[in-house]
Amino acid sequence: MPHFCHAIGCNVDVPASMLFCRPHWWSLDKMVRDAVWAEYRKGQEISKRPSARYMAVQKYAVARASFKAGDEARKQQCIDALEQSFRWAGIALSRGEGNPLIQLGYPTTKEMELELRMFAEGKPEPGPEPAPVSDALPDGG
């Protein structure tokens, strides 16, 4: 069964353990790649049971990797992915698991709302550079 890159509009077939094709993965800021790896749990692509924390950073990564300036349809899909990311972060917080987006510079909903506004205006900007974790391509399924 094929497994495709999770970037919106990408049809590159990748191994199930990979979230993105190489070009989309390496288009992400290192802090986003590190956040994905920090939340990935081995085998979640097989069990199809990723954590809420993983889903929050995965959806954030999808929004970042998929964004194309000037593409209004894609922009809305990225905003949708970002909103899903923030909802997953809320689920993690409600379960007492902490805020998975804090490592991406979003400790509060105020920062999350600012990010949504920047996407809506068509100009997302990268956040601060965190401490390194790893550079690879995990996926939640």
Protein backbone atom coordinates (compact mmCIF):
# COMPACT_ATOMS: atom_id res chain seq x y z
CA MET A 1 0.00 0.00 0.00
CA PRO A 2 1.53 3.35 -0.98
CA HIS A 3 2.32 6.00 1.62
CA PHE A 4 2.64 9.54 0.34
CA CYS A 5 4.52 12.58 1.54
CA HIS A 6 2.24 14.48 3.95
CA ALA A 7 2.95 17.87 2.36
CA ILE A 8 -0.27 19.19 0.86
CA GLY A 9 -0.34 18.49 -2.88
CA CYS A 10 2.74 16.21 -2.89
CA ASN A 11 2.28 12.76 -4.42
CA VAL A 12 5.75 11.36 -3.78
CA ASP A 13 5.59 7.81 -2.43
CA VAL A 14 7.73 7.47 0.72
CA PRO A 15 8.29 4.67 3.25
CA ALA A 16 5.61 4.53 5.97
CA SER A 17 8.19 5.59 8.55
CA MET A 18 8.72 8.91 6.74
CA LEU A 19 6.55 11.97 7.20
CA PHE A 20 7.73 13.80 4.06
CA CYS A 21 9.75 13.32 0.91
CA ARG A 22 13.30 14.63 1.23
CA PRO A 23 12.68 18.03 -0.42
CA HIS A 24 9.75 18.79 1.89
CA TRP A 25 11.56 17.49 4.99
CA TRP A 26 14.64 19.61 4.32
CA SER A 27 12.48 22.67 3.54
CA LEU A 28 11.55 22.77 7.23
CA ASP A 29 13.48 24.79 9.80
CA LYS A 30 15.69 22.59 11.96
CA MET A 31 13.58 23.38 15.03
CA VAL A 32 10.52 21.88 13.29
CA ARG A 33 12.41 18.75 12.25
CA ASP A 34 13.72 18.42 15.81
CA ALA A 35 10.21 18.83 17.26
CA VAL A 36 8.87 16.07 14.99
CA TRP A 37 11.65 13.74 16.10
CA ALA A 38 11.18 14.66 19.76
CA GLU A 39 7.52 13.56 19.63
CA TYR A 40 7.89 10.53 17.34
CA ARG A 41 7.57 7.10 18.95
CA LYS A 42 8.96 4.06 17.15
CA GLY A 43 6.23 1.94 15.57
CA GLN A 44 3.47 4.56 15.62
CA GLU A 45 3.27 4.35 11.83
CA ILE A 46 2.41 0.66 12.25
CA SER A 47 0.01 0.94 15.21
CA LYS A 48 -1.63 4.05 13.71
CA ARG A 49 -1.81 5.47 17.27
CA PRO A 50 0.42 8.55 17.40
CA SER A 51 0.21 10.71 20.50
CA ALA A 52 -1.67 14.01 20.64
CA ARG A 53 1.71 15.69 21.14
CA TYR A 54 3.03 14.12 17.94
CA MET A 55 -0.08 15.08 15.99
CA ALA A 56 0.31 18.69 17.12
CA VAL A 57 3.87 18.97 15.79
CA GLN A 58 3.07 16.83 12.72
CA LYS A 59 0.22 19.13 11.64
CA TYR A 60 2.43 22.16 12.31
CA ALA A 61 5.15 20.63 10.11
CA VAL A 62 2.59 19.92 7.36
CA ALA A 63 1.51 23.57 7.39
CA ARG A 64 5.11 24.79 7.22
CA ALA A 65 6.28 22.33 4.54
CA SER A 66 3.22 22.94 2.36
CA PHE A 67 3.04 26.74 2.38
CA LYS A 68 3.48 28.47 -0.98
CA ALA A 69 3.29 32.26 -1.11
CA GLY A 70 0.58 33.47 -3.48
CA ASP A 71 -1.29 30.15 -3.60
CA GLU A 72 -4.62 31.04 -1.95
CA ALA A 73 -6.07 27.51 -1.99
CA ARG A 74 -2.89 26.07 -0.48
CA LYS A 75 -2.76 28.89 2.06
CA GLN A 76 -6.20 27.94 3.38
CA GLN A 77 -5.18 24.28 3.61
CA CYS A 78 -2.09 25.33 5.58
CA ILE A 79 -4.20 27.44 7.92
CA ASP A 80 -6.48 24.41 8.42
CA ALA A 81 -3.44 22.24 9.26
CA LEU A 82 -2.17 24.87 11.68
CA GLU A 83 -5.56 25.06 13.39
CA GLN A 84 -5.54 21.24 13.68
CA SER A 85 -2.06 21.49 15.21
CA PHE A 86 -3.31 23.89 17.86
CA ARG A 87 -6.34 21.68 18.58
CA TRP A 88 -4.06 18.66 19.08
CA ALA A 89 -1.87 20.76 21.39
CA GLY A 90 -5.01 21.59 23.38
CA ILE A 91 -5.85 17.89 23.65
CA ALA A 92 -2.34 17.14 24.93
CA LEU A 93 -2.63 19.95 27.47
CA SER A 94 -6.07 18.75 28.63
CA ARG A 95 -4.56 15.30 29.24
CA GLY A 96 -1.80 16.76 31.37
CA GLU A 97 0.87 15.93 28.76
CA GLY A 98 2.16 19.49 28.43
CA ASN A 99 2.35 21.83 25.46
CA PRO A 100 4.14 20.10 22.56
CA LEU A 101 4.41 23.39 20.65
CA ILE A 102 6.45 25.14 23.33
CA GLN A 103 9.58 23.77 21.63
CA LEU A 104 8.47 25.68 18.50
CA GLY A 105 8.07 28.96 20.38
CA TYR A 106 4.33 28.79 21.11
CA PRO A 107 3.93 28.76 24.89
CA THR A 108 0.51 30.46 24.82
CA THR A 109 -2.56 30.77 22.63
CA LYS A 110 -1.57 34.39 21.95
CA GLU A 111 1.50 33.22 20.01
CA MET A 112 -0.63 30.60 18.23
CA GLU A 113 -3.15 33.25 17.16
CA LEU A 114 -0.30 35.42 15.85
CA GLU A 115 0.99 32.49 13.76
CA LEU A 116 -2.48 31.95 12.27
CA ARG A 117 -2.70 35.65 11.41
CA MET A 118 0.73 35.55 9.73
CA PHE A 119 -0.31 32.53 7.63
CA ALA A 120 -3.56 34.30 6.71
CA GLU A 121 -1.52 37.30 5.53
CA GLY A 122 0.66 34.96 3.47
CA LYS A 123 3.92 35.51 5.32
CA PRO A 124 4.78 32.91 7.96
CA GLU A 125 8.14 33.55 9.60
CA PRO A 126 10.40 31.00 11.28
CA GLY A 127 10.60 30.94 15.05
CA PRO A 128 13.69 30.78 17.28
CA GLU A 129 16.31 28.05 16.84
CA PRO A 130 16.10 25.46 19.67
CA ALA A 131 18.69 22.95 20.86
CA PRO A 132 19.29 20.15 18.29
CA VAL A 133 17.73 16.71 18.68
CA SER A 134 18.12 14.79 15.38
CA ASP A 135 17.62 15.02 11.62
CA ALA A 136 15.43 12.25 10.20
CA LEU A 137 11.99 11.54 8.81
CA PRO A 138 9.52 9.96 11.27
CA ASP A 139 5.78 9.70 10.65
CA GLY A 140 2.69 8.98 12.65
CA GLY A 141 0.78 7.25 9.90
